[in-house]
Amino acid sequence: MSEAMSEAAVSARPVDRSLVKRAWIVLIVGWVLMVIPFPGTGLIGLAVAGIGGLVMAIVNLVRGVVGQGILQIIAAVVVTPIWYWITLAFFGVTMLAGSGPN
């Protein structure tokens, strides 16, 4: 009888959504850091968005926010490296364009 009551108490626990917005903010701040044309900010942004966003997404999954947690994991694991390489290619092209014939 006590097992059934404890299972009901666990299932009736409200979902904690306190980190959902913060995790998206961490991901976006990391992506913005990658766009700043200063040495090292791309790697800092990669760490912030990739590692920080991933950790916060996992915490969201554990807290029961499954849909947002999965989207945040996809954003941290798939979108972040793609965005990093896009910004790196953009800065490479602009550097090459700036060093054209004089």
PDB file of N, CA and C in Angstrom:
ATOM      1  N   MET A   1       0.820  -1.189   0.000  1.00  0.00           N
ATOM      2  CA  MET A   1       0.000   0.000   0.000  1.00  0.00           C
ATOM      3  C   MET A   1       0.865   1.254   0.000  1.00  0.00           C
ATOM      4  N   SER A   2       1.946   1.232   0.747  1.00  0.00           N
ATOM      5  CA  SER A   2       2.793   2.427   0.821  1.00  0.00           C
ATOM      6  C   SER A   2       3.528   2.662  -0.498  1.00  0.00           C
ATOM      7  N   GLU A   3       3.840   1.583  -1.243  1.00  0.00           N
ATOM      8  CA  GLU A   3       4.493   1.747  -2.547  1.00  0.00           C
ATOM      9  C   GLU A   3       3.591   2.463  -3.527  1.00  0.00           C
ATOM     10  N   ALA A   4       2.335   2.092  -3.547  1.00  0.00           N
ATOM     11  CA  ALA A   4       1.381   2.739  -4.446  1.00  0.00           C
ATOM     12  C   ALA A   4       1.206   4.204  -4.076  1.00  0.00           C
ATOM     13  N   MET A   5       1.228   4.508  -2.804  1.00  0.00           N
ATOM     14  CA  MET A   5       1.081   5.898  -2.369  1.00  0.00           C
ATOM     15  C   MET A   5       2.319   6.709  -2.737  1.00  0.00           C
ATOM     16  N   SER A   6       3.501   6.111  -2.601  1.00  0.00           N
ATOM     17  CA  SER A   6       4.717   6.859  -2.930  1.00  0.00           C
ATOM     18  C   SER A   6       4.820   7.068  -4.446  1.00  0.00           C
ATOM     19  N   GLU A   7       4.382   6.090  -5.247  1.00  0.00           N
ATOM     20  CA  GLU A   7       4.376   6.271  -6.701  1.00  0.00           C
ATOM     21  C   GLU A   7       3.407   7.366  -7.111  1.00  0.00           C
ATOM     22  N   ALA A   8       2.271   7.427  -6.455  1.00  0.00           N
ATOM     23  CA  ALA A   8       1.296   8.471  -6.747  1.00  0.00           C
ATOM     24  C   ALA A   8       1.837   9.834  -6.352  1.00  0.00           C
ATOM     25  N   ALA A   9       2.564   9.877  -5.249  1.00  0.00           N
ATOM     26  CA  ALA A   9       3.138  11.149  -4.808  1.00  0.00           C
ATOM     27  C   ALA A   9       4.215  11.619  -5.771  1.00  0.00           C
ATOM     28  N   VAL A  10       5.003  10.685  -6.300  1.00  0.00           N
ATOM     29  CA  VAL A  10       6.045  11.049  -7.255  1.00  0.00           C
ATOM     30  C   VAL A  10       5.428  11.516  -8.560  1.00  0.00           C
ATOM     31  N   SER A  11       4.398  10.835  -9.038  1.00  0.00           N
ATOM     32  CA  SER A  11       3.782  11.217 -10.302  1.00  0.00           C
ATOM     33  C   SER A  11       2.998  12.519 -10.183  1.00  0.00           C
ATOM     34  N   ALA A  12       2.563  12.879  -8.981  1.00  0.00           N
ATOM     35  CA  ALA A  12       1.812  14.112  -8.783  1.00  0.00           C
ATOM     36  C   ALA A  12       2.728  15.318  -8.572  1.00  0.00           C
ATOM     37  N   ARG A  13       4.021  15.079  -8.539  1.00  0.00           N
ATOM     38  CA  ARG A  13       4.977  16.165  -8.321  1.00  0.00           C
ATOM     39  C   ARG A  13       4.945  17.121  -9.507  1.00  0.00           C
ATOM     40  N   PRO A  14       4.873  18.418  -9.259  1.00  0.00           N
ATOM     41  CA  PRO A  14       4.834  19.373 -10.375  1.00  0.00           C
ATOM     42  C   PRO A  14       6.177  19.432 -11.112  1.00  0.00           C
ATOM     43  N   VAL A  15       6.104  19.722 -12.399  1.00  0.00           N
ATOM     44  CA  VAL A  15       7.298  19.816 -13.235  1.00  0.00           C
ATOM     45  C   VAL A  15       7.992  21.141 -12.962  1.00  0.00           C
ATOM     46  N   ASP A  16       9.295  21.095 -12.744  1.00  0.00           N
ATOM     47  CA  ASP A  16      10.079  22.301 -12.471  1.00  0.00           C
ATOM     48  C   ASP A  16      10.603  22.865 -13.785  1.00  0.00           C
ATOM     49  N   ARG A  17      10.093  24.003 -14.219  1.00  0.00           N
ATOM     50  CA  ARG A  17      10.474  24.627 -15.473  1.00  0.00           C
ATOM     51  C   ARG A  17      11.380  25.843 -15.276  1.00  0.00           C
ATOM     52  N   SER A  18      12.032  25.937 -14.130  1.00  0.00           N
ATOM     53  CA  SER A  18      12.790  27.144 -13.815  1.00  0.00           C
ATOM     54  C   SER A  18      14.041  27.317 -14.677  1.00  0.00           C
ATOM     55  N   LEU A  19      14.561  26.260 -15.265  1.00  0.00           N
ATOM     56  CA  LEU A  19      15.787  26.375 -16.065  1.00  0.00           C
ATOM     57  C   LEU A  19      15.553  26.398 -17.568  1.00  0.00           C
ATOM     58  N   VAL A  20      14.320  26.318 -18.017  1.00  0.00           N
ATOM     59  CA  VAL A  20      14.064  26.245 -19.455  1.00  0.00           C
ATOM     60  C   VAL A  20      14.524  27.522 -20.148  1.00  0.00           C
ATOM     61  N   LYS A  21      14.066  28.676 -19.672  1.00  0.00           N
ATOM     62  CA  LYS A  21      14.469  29.939 -20.299  1.00  0.00           C
ATOM     63  C   LYS A  21      15.956  30.195 -20.125  1.00  0.00           C
ATOM     64  N   ARG A  22      16.480  29.863 -18.969  1.00  0.00           N
ATOM     65  CA  ARG A  22      17.910  30.090 -18.714  1.00  0.00           C
ATOM     66  C   ARG A  22      18.785  29.249 -19.634  1.00  0.00           C
ATOM     67  N   ALA A  23      18.368  28.033 -19.920  1.00  0.00           N
ATOM     68  CA  ALA A  23      19.145  27.182 -20.825  1.00  0.00           C
ATOM     69  C   ALA A  23      19.143  27.757 -22.237  1.00  0.00           C
ATOM     70  N   TRP A  24      17.984  28.257 -22.703  1.00  0.00           N
ATOM     71  CA  TRP A  24      17.949  28.893 -24.025  1.00  0.00           C
ATOM     72  C   TRP A  24      18.821  30.141 -24.045  1.00  0.00           C
ATOM     73  N   ILE A  25      18.810  30.901 -22.948  1.00  0.00           N
ATOM     74  CA  ILE A  25      19.650  32.099 -22.872  1.00  0.00           C
ATOM     75  C   ILE A  25      21.126  31.719 -22.944  1.00  0.00           C
ATOM     76  N   VAL A  26      21.520  30.663 -22.248  1.00  0.00           N
ATOM     77  CA  VAL A  26      22.916  30.207 -22.290  1.00  0.00           C
ATOM     78  C   VAL A  26      23.297  29.806 -23.715  1.00  0.00           C
ATOM     79  N   LEU A  27      22.418  29.085 -24.397  1.00  0.00           N
ATOM     80  CA  LEU A  27      22.706  28.686 -25.772  1.00  0.00           C
ATOM     81  C   LEU A  27      22.853  29.906 -26.683  1.00  0.00           C
ATOM     82  N   ILE A  28      21.949  30.848 -26.570  1.00  0.00           N
ATOM     83  CA  ILE A  28      21.994  32.034 -27.435  1.00  0.00           C
ATOM     84  C   ILE A  28      23.206  32.894 -27.121  1.00  0.00           C
ATOM     85  N   VAL A  29      23.546  33.057 -25.850  1.00  0.00           N
ATOM     86  CA  VAL A  29      24.743  33.832 -25.486  1.00  0.00           C
ATOM     87  C   VAL A  29      25.994  33.164 -26.056  1.00  0.00           C
ATOM     88  N   GLY A  30      26.060  31.856 -25.989  1.00  0.00           N
ATOM     89  CA  GLY A  30      27.202  31.142 -26.578  1.00  0.00           C
ATOM     90  C   GLY A  30      27.283  31.342 -28.079  1.00  0.00           C
ATOM     91  N   TRP A  31      26.143  31.299 -28.748  1.00  0.00           N
ATOM     92  CA  TRP A  31      26.124  31.504 -30.199  1.00  0.00           C
ATOM     93  C   TRP A  31      26.522  32.925 -30.553  1.00  0.00           C
ATOM     94  N   VAL A  32      26.088  33.907 -29.755  1.00  0.00           N
ATOM     95  CA  VAL A  32      26.470  35.298 -30.012  1.00  0.00           C
ATOM     96  C   VAL A  32      27.966  35.494 -29.771  1.00  0.00           C
ATOM     97  N   LEU A  33      28.505  34.846 -28.756  1.00  0.00           N
ATOM     98  CA  LEU A  33      29.940  34.950 -28.494  1.00  0.00           C
ATOM     99  C   LEU A  33      30.763  34.448 -29.682  1.00  0.00           C
ATOM    100  N   MET A  34      30.248  33.458 -30.380  1.00  0.00           N
ATOM    101  CA  MET A  34      30.975  32.931 -31.536  1.00  0.00           C
ATOM    102  C   MET A  34      31.053  33.941 -32.673  1.00  0.00           C
ATOM    103  N   VAL A  35      30.148  34.899 -32.717  1.00  0.00           N
ATOM    104  CA  VAL A  35      30.098  35.871 -33.812  1.00  0.00           C
ATOM    105  C   VAL A  35      31.026  37.058 -33.540  1.00  0.00           C
ATOM    106  N   ILE A  36      31.414  37.267 -32.305  1.00  0.00           N
ATOM    107  CA  ILE A  36      32.264  38.405 -31.961  1.00  0.00           C
ATOM    108  C   ILE A  36      33.654  38.180 -32.570  1.00  0.00           C
ATOM    109  N   PRO A  37      34.124  39.109 -33.402  1.00  0.00           N
ATOM    110  CA  PRO A  37      35.414  38.908 -34.090  1.00  0.00           C
ATOM    111  C   PRO A  37      36.611  39.277 -33.215  1.00  0.00           C
ATOM    112  N   PHE A  38      36.841  38.499 -32.194  1.00  0.00           N
ATOM    113  CA  PHE A  38      37.975  38.696 -31.302  1.00  0.00           C
ATOM    114  C   PHE A  38      38.566  37.322 -31.010  1.00  0.00           C
ATOM    115  N   PRO A  39      39.875  37.183 -31.010  1.00  0.00           N
ATOM    116  CA  PRO A  39      40.470  35.858 -30.818  1.00  0.00           C
ATOM    117  C   PRO A  39      40.046  35.199 -29.503  1.00  0.00           C
ATOM    118  N   GLY A  40      39.576  33.992 -29.594  1.00  0.00           N
ATOM    119  CA  GLY A  40      39.202  33.211 -28.430  1.00  0.00           C
ATOM    120  C   GLY A  40      37.728  33.216 -28.098  1.00  0.00           C
ATOM    121  N   THR A  41      36.993  34.216 -28.575  1.00  0.00           N
ATOM    122  CA  THR A  41      35.575  34.261 -28.218  1.00  0.00           C
ATOM    123  C   THR A  41      34.786  33.137 -28.882  1.00  0.00           C
ATOM    124  N   GLY A  42      35.237  32.661 -30.022  1.00  0.00           N
ATOM    125  CA  GLY A  42      34.561  31.539 -30.667  1.00  0.00           C
ATOM    126  C   GLY A  42      34.642  30.280 -29.826  1.00  0.00           C
ATOM    127  N   LEU A  43      35.822  30.016 -29.279  1.00  0.00           N
ATOM    128  CA  LEU A  43      35.979  28.831 -28.434  1.00  0.00           C
ATOM    129  C   LEU A  43      35.252  28.986 -27.109  1.00  0.00           C
ATOM    130  N   ILE A  44      35.241  30.200 -26.574  1.00  0.00           N
ATOM    131  CA  ILE A  44      34.486  30.435 -25.338  1.00  0.00           C
ATOM    132  C   ILE A  44      32.996  30.227 -25.599  1.00  0.00           C
ATOM    133  N   GLY A  45      32.517  30.757 -26.719  1.00  0.00           N
ATOM    134  CA  GLY A  45      31.113  30.562 -27.077  1.00  0.00           C
ATOM    135  C   GLY A  45      30.787  29.103 -27.311  1.00  0.00           C
ATOM    136  N   LEU A  46      31.726  28.376 -27.920  1.00  0.00           N
ATOM    137  CA  LEU A  46      31.532  26.939 -28.137  1.00  0.00           C
ATOM    138  C   LEU A  46      31.402  26.207 -26.807  1.00  0.00           C
ATOM    139  N   ALA A  47      32.234  26.571 -25.842  1.00  0.00           N
ATOM    140  CA  ALA A  47      32.160  25.943 -24.521  1.00  0.00           C
ATOM    141  C   ALA A  47      30.873  26.321 -23.792  1.00  0.00           C
ATOM    142  N   VAL A  48      30.506  27.599 -23.862  1.00  0.00           N
ATOM    143  CA  VAL A  48      29.294  28.048 -23.165  1.00  0.00           C
ATOM    144  C   VAL A  48      28.064  27.373 -23.749  1.00  0.00           C
ATOM    145  N   ALA A  49      27.922  27.423 -25.074  1.00  0.00           N
ATOM    146  CA  ALA A  49      26.726  26.856 -25.708  1.00  0.00           C
ATOM    147  C   ALA A  49      26.763  25.333 -25.688  1.00  0.00           C
ATOM    148  N   GLY A  50      27.924  24.768 -26.011  1.00  0.00           N
ATOM    149  CA  GLY A  50      28.012  23.310 -26.103  1.00  0.00           C
ATOM    150  C   GLY A  50      27.934  22.622 -24.756  1.00  0.00           C
ATOM    151  N   ILE A  51      28.805  23.021 -23.846  1.00  0.00           N
ATOM    152  CA  ILE A  51      28.863  22.335 -22.553  1.00  0.00           C
ATOM    153  C   ILE A  51      27.785  22.851 -21.609  1.00  0.00           C
ATOM    154  N   GLY A  52      27.717  24.178 -21.459  1.00  0.00           N
ATOM    155  CA  GLY A  52      26.728  24.744 -20.543  1.00  0.00           C
ATOM    156  C   GLY A  52      25.299  24.442 -20.965  1.00  0.00           C
ATOM    157  N   GLY A  53      25.025  24.620 -22.254  1.00  0.00           N
ATOM    158  CA  GLY A  53      23.687  24.326 -22.753  1.00  0.00           C
ATOM    159  C   GLY A  53      23.324  22.858 -22.616  1.00  0.00           C
ATOM    160  N   LEU A  54      24.286  21.982 -22.870  1.00  0.00           N
ATOM    161  CA  LEU A  54      24.038  20.545 -22.752  1.00  0.00           C
ATOM    162  C   LEU A  54      23.754  20.148 -21.308  1.00  0.00           C
ATOM    163  N   VAL A  55      24.533  20.670 -20.382  1.00  0.00           N
ATOM    164  CA  VAL A  55      24.316  20.341 -18.969  1.00  0.00           C
ATOM    165  C   VAL A  55      22.949  20.834 -18.508  1.00  0.00           C
ATOM    166  N   MET A  56      22.600  22.058 -18.884  1.00  0.00           N
ATOM    167  CA  MET A  56      21.300  22.584 -18.469  1.00  0.00           C
ATOM    168  C   MET A  56      20.153  21.830 -19.136  1.00  0.00           C
ATOM    169  N   ALA A  57      20.349  21.372 -20.364  1.00  0.00           N
ATOM    170  CA  ALA A  57      19.315  20.579 -21.037  1.00  0.00           C
ATOM    171  C   ALA A  57      19.119  19.240 -20.336  1.00  0.00           C
ATOM    172  N   ILE A  58      20.201  18.626 -19.906  1.00  0.00           N
ATOM    173  CA  ILE A  58      20.084  17.356 -19.176  1.00  0.00           C
ATOM    174  C   ILE A  58      19.367  17.568 -17.849  1.00  0.00           C
ATOM    175  N   VAL A  59      19.670  18.669 -17.172  1.00  0.00           N
ATOM    176  CA  VAL A  59      18.970  18.974 -15.923  1.00  0.00           C
ATOM    177  C   VAL A  59      17.481  19.166 -16.190  1.00  0.00           C
ATOM    178  N   ASN A  60      17.154  19.828 -17.294  1.00  0.00           N
ATOM    179  CA  ASN A  60      15.737  19.993 -17.646  1.00  0.00           C
ATOM    180  C   ASN A  60      15.068  18.650 -17.894  1.00  0.00           C
ATOM    181  N   LEU A  61      15.766  17.727 -18.541  1.00  0.00           N
ATOM    182  CA  LEU A  61      15.208  16.394 -18.754  1.00  0.00           C
ATOM    183  C   LEU A  61      14.950  15.690 -17.431  1.00  0.00           C
ATOM    184  N   VAL A  62      15.903  15.793 -16.521  1.00  0.00           N
ATOM    185  CA  VAL A  62      15.751  15.142 -15.221  1.00  0.00           C
ATOM    186  C   VAL A  62      14.585  15.750 -14.447  1.00  0.00           C
ATOM    187  N   ARG A  63      14.375  17.038 -14.604  1.00  0.00           N
ATOM    188  CA  ARG A  63      13.287  17.711 -13.898  1.00  0.00           C
ATOM    189  C   ARG A  63      11.926  17.460 -14.538  1.00  0.00           C
ATOM    190  N   GLY A  64      11.881  16.794 -15.679  1.00  0.00           N
ATOM    191  CA  GLY A  64      10.611  16.418 -16.282  1.00  0.00           C
ATOM    192  C   GLY A  64      10.169  17.262 -17.451  1.00  0.00           C
ATOM    193  N   VAL A  65      10.991  18.199 -17.908  1.00  0.00           N
ATOM    194  CA  VAL A  65      10.642  19.028 -19.064  1.00  0.00           C
ATOM    195  C   VAL A  65      11.243  18.344 -20.292  1.00  0.00           C
ATOM    196  N   VAL A  66      10.571  17.315 -20.764  1.00  0.00           N
ATOM    197  CA  VAL A  66      11.138  16.440 -21.786  1.00  0.00           C
ATOM    198  C   VAL A  66      11.229  17.114 -23.148  1.00  0.00           C
ATOM    199  N   GLY A  67      10.171  17.734 -23.611  1.00  0.00           N
ATOM    200  CA  GLY A  67      10.167  18.334 -24.944  1.00  0.00           C
ATOM    201  C   GLY A  67      11.223  19.407 -25.103  1.00  0.00           C
ATOM    202  N   GLN A  68      11.252  20.359 -24.186  1.00  0.00           N
ATOM    203  CA  GLN A  68      12.246  21.426 -24.237  1.00  0.00           C
ATOM    204  C   GLN A  68      13.647  20.883 -24.019  1.00  0.00           C
ATOM    205  N   GLY A  69      13.782  19.910 -23.145  1.00  0.00           N
ATOM    206  CA  GLY A  69      15.100  19.324 -22.881  1.00  0.00           C
ATOM    207  C   GLY A  69      15.683  18.664 -24.114  1.00  0.00           C
ATOM    208  N   ILE A  70      14.865  17.944 -24.863  1.00  0.00           N
ATOM    209  CA  ILE A  70      15.348  17.293 -26.085  1.00  0.00           C
ATOM    210  C   ILE A  70      15.724  18.333 -27.135  1.00  0.00           C
ATOM    211  N   LEU A  71      14.896  19.370 -27.283  1.00  0.00           N
ATOM    212  CA  LEU A  71      15.238  20.445 -28.233  1.00  0.00           C
ATOM    213  C   LEU A  71      16.541  21.131 -27.845  1.00  0.00           C
ATOM    214  N   GLN A  72      16.760  21.350 -26.564  1.00  0.00           N
ATOM    215  CA  GLN A  72      17.983  21.994 -26.109  1.00  0.00           C
ATOM    216  C   GLN A  72      19.196  21.091 -26.297  1.00  0.00           C
ATOM    217  N   ILE A  73      19.036  19.800 -26.118  1.00  0.00           N
ATOM    218  CA  ILE A  73      20.150  18.881 -26.375  1.00  0.00           C
ATOM    219  C   ILE A  73      20.503  18.888 -27.855  1.00  0.00           C
ATOM    220  N   ILE A  74      19.498  18.867 -28.717  1.00  0.00           N
ATOM    221  CA  ILE A  74      19.757  18.930 -30.157  1.00  0.00           C
ATOM    222  C   ILE A  74      20.457  20.231 -30.513  1.00  0.00           C
ATOM    223  N   ALA A  75      20.007  21.335 -29.908  1.00  0.00           N
ATOM    224  CA  ALA A  75      20.636  22.630 -30.176  1.00  0.00           C
ATOM    225  C   ALA A  75      22.083  22.637 -29.708  1.00  0.00           C
ATOM    226  N   ALA A  76      22.355  22.054 -28.545  1.00  0.00           N
ATOM    227  CA  ALA A  76      23.711  22.060 -28.005  1.00  0.00           C
ATOM    228  C   ALA A  76      24.644  21.124 -28.763  1.00  0.00           C
ATOM    229  N   VAL A  77      24.129  19.968 -29.175  1.00  0.00           N
ATOM    230  CA  VAL A  77      24.999  18.952 -29.786  1.00  0.00           C
ATOM    231  C   VAL A  77      25.094  19.101 -31.304  1.00  0.00           C
ATOM    232  N   VAL A  78      24.029  19.553 -31.956  1.00  0.00           N
ATOM    233  CA  VAL A  78      24.025  19.619 -33.416  1.00  0.00           C
ATOM    234  C   VAL A  78      24.195  21.053 -33.923  1.00  0.00           C
ATOM    235  N   VAL A  79      23.364  21.957 -33.430  1.00  0.00           N
ATOM    236  CA  VAL A  79      23.364  23.329 -33.956  1.00  0.00           C
ATOM    237  C   VAL A  79      24.641  24.080 -33.569  1.00  0.00           C
ATOM    238  N   THR A  80      25.123  23.898 -32.344  1.00  0.00           N
ATOM    239  CA  THR A  80      26.299  24.642 -31.886  1.00  0.00           C
ATOM    240  C   THR A  80      27.538  24.373 -32.737  1.00  0.00           C
ATOM    241  N   PRO A  81      27.914  23.121 -33.013  1.00  0.00           N
ATOM    242  CA  PRO A  81      29.088  22.923 -33.870  1.00  0.00           C
ATOM    243  C   PRO A  81      28.877  23.433 -35.294  1.00  0.00           C
ATOM    244  N   ILE A  82      27.667  23.279 -35.824  1.00  0.00           N
ATOM    245  CA  ILE A  82      27.394  23.795 -37.171  1.00  0.00           C
ATOM    246  C   ILE A  82      27.546  25.311 -37.186  1.00  0.00           C
ATOM    247  N   TRP A  83      26.987  25.986 -36.182  1.00  0.00           N
ATOM    248  CA  TRP A  83      27.099  27.442 -36.095  1.00  0.00           C
ATOM    249  C   TRP A  83      28.556  27.863 -35.927  1.00  0.00           C
ATOM    250  N   TYR A  84      29.325  27.107 -35.157  1.00  0.00           N
ATOM    251  CA  TYR A  84      30.749  27.416 -34.973  1.00  0.00           C
ATOM    252  C   TYR A  84      31.487  27.373 -36.314  1.00  0.00           C
ATOM    253  N   TRP A  85      31.255  26.342 -37.103  1.00  0.00           N
ATOM    254  CA  TRP A  85      31.951  26.220 -38.387  1.00  0.00           C
ATOM    255  C   TRP A  85      31.467  27.267 -39.382  1.00  0.00           C
ATOM    256  N   ILE A  86      30.192  27.632 -39.326  1.00  0.00           N
ATOM    257  CA  ILE A  86      29.690  28.697 -40.203  1.00  0.00           C
ATOM    258  C   ILE A  86      30.365  30.015 -39.869  1.00  0.00           C
ATOM    259  N   THR A  87      30.435  30.357 -38.576  1.00  0.00           N
ATOM    260  CA  THR A  87      31.083  31.621 -38.200  1.00  0.00           C
ATOM    261  C   THR A  87      32.570  31.582 -38.504  1.00  0.00           C
ATOM    262  N   LEU A  88      33.203  30.452 -38.318  1.00  0.00           N
ATOM    263  CA  LEU A  88      34.626  30.323 -38.640  1.00  0.00           C
ATOM    264  C   LEU A  88      34.864  30.503 -40.136  1.00  0.00           C
ATOM    265  N   ALA A  89      34.014  29.924 -40.956  1.00  0.00           N
ATOM    266  CA  ALA A  89      34.137  30.090 -42.409  1.00  0.00           C
ATOM    267  C   ALA A  89      33.871  31.536 -42.805  1.00  0.00           C
ATOM    268  N   PHE A  90      32.893  32.179 -42.187  1.00  0.00           N
ATOM    269  CA  PHE A  90      32.592  33.576 -42.484  1.00  0.00           C
ATOM    270  C   PHE A  90      33.793  34.467 -42.179  1.00  0.00           C
ATOM    271  N   PHE A  91      34.406  34.277 -41.022  1.00  0.00           N
ATOM    272  CA  PHE A  91      35.560  35.099 -40.672  1.00  0.00           C
ATOM    273  C   PHE A  91      36.762  34.783 -41.562  1.00  0.00           C
ATOM    274  N   GLY A  92      36.900  33.537 -41.968  1.00  0.00           N
ATOM    275  CA  GLY A  92      37.981  33.187 -42.902  1.00  0.00           C
ATOM    276  C   GLY A  92      37.805  33.856 -44.249  1.00  0.00           C
ATOM    277  N   VAL A  93      36.585  33.866 -44.745  1.00  0.00           N
ATOM    278  CA  VAL A  93      36.310  34.507 -46.033  1.00  0.00           C
ATOM    279  C   VAL A  93      36.530  36.011 -45.936  1.00  0.00           C
ATOM    280  N   THR A  94      36.091  36.632 -44.836  1.00  0.00           N
ATOM    281  CA  THR A  94      36.288  38.066 -44.708  1.00  0.00           C
ATOM    282  C   THR A  94      37.768  38.403 -44.555  1.00  0.00           C
ATOM    283  N   MET A  95      38.546  37.552 -43.928  1.00  0.00           N
ATOM    284  CA  MET A  95      39.992  37.791 -43.807  1.00  0.00           C
ATOM    285  C   MET A  95      40.655  37.680 -45.181  1.00  0.00           C
ATOM    286  N   LEU A  96      40.234  36.694 -45.965  1.00  0.00           N
ATOM    287  CA  LEU A  96      40.807  36.553 -47.305  1.00  0.00           C
ATOM    288  C   LEU A  96      40.409  37.709 -48.209  1.00  0.00           C
ATOM    289  N   ALA A  97      39.185  38.169 -48.066  1.00  0.00           N
ATOM    290  CA  ALA A  97      38.732  39.295 -48.891  1.00  0.00           C
ATOM    291  C   ALA A  97      39.462  40.561 -48.527  1.00  0.00           C
ATOM    292  N   GLY A  98      39.816  40.708 -47.270  1.00  0.00           N
ATOM    293  CA  GLY A  98      40.524  41.902 -46.826  1.00  0.00           C
ATOM    294  C   GLY A  98      41.996  41.899 -47.208  1.00  0.00           C
ATOM    295  N   SER A  99      42.535  40.718 -47.509  1.00  0.00           N
ATOM    296  CA  SER A  99      43.960  40.649 -47.857  1.00  0.00           C
ATOM    297  C   SER A  99      44.166  40.488 -49.359  1.00  0.00           C
ATOM    298  N   GLY A 100      43.255  41.032 -50.146  1.00  0.00           N
ATOM    299  CA  GLY A 100      43.332  40.938 -51.605  1.00  0.00           C
ATOM    300  C   GLY A 100      44.515  41.722 -52.162  1.00  0.00           C
ATOM    301  N   PRO A 101      44.637  41.752 -53.498  1.00  0.00           N
ATOM    302  CA  PRO A 101      45.763  42.441 -54.117  1.00  0.00           C
ATOM    303  C   PRO A 101      45.703  43.939 -53.831  1.00  0.00           C
ATOM    304  N   ASN A 102      46.877  44.506 -53.619  1.00  0.00           N
ATOM    305  CA  ASN A 102      46.953  45.949 -53.315  1.00  0.00           C
ATOM    306  C   ASN A 102      47.364  46.734 -54.509  1.00  0.00           C
TER     307      ASN A 102
END
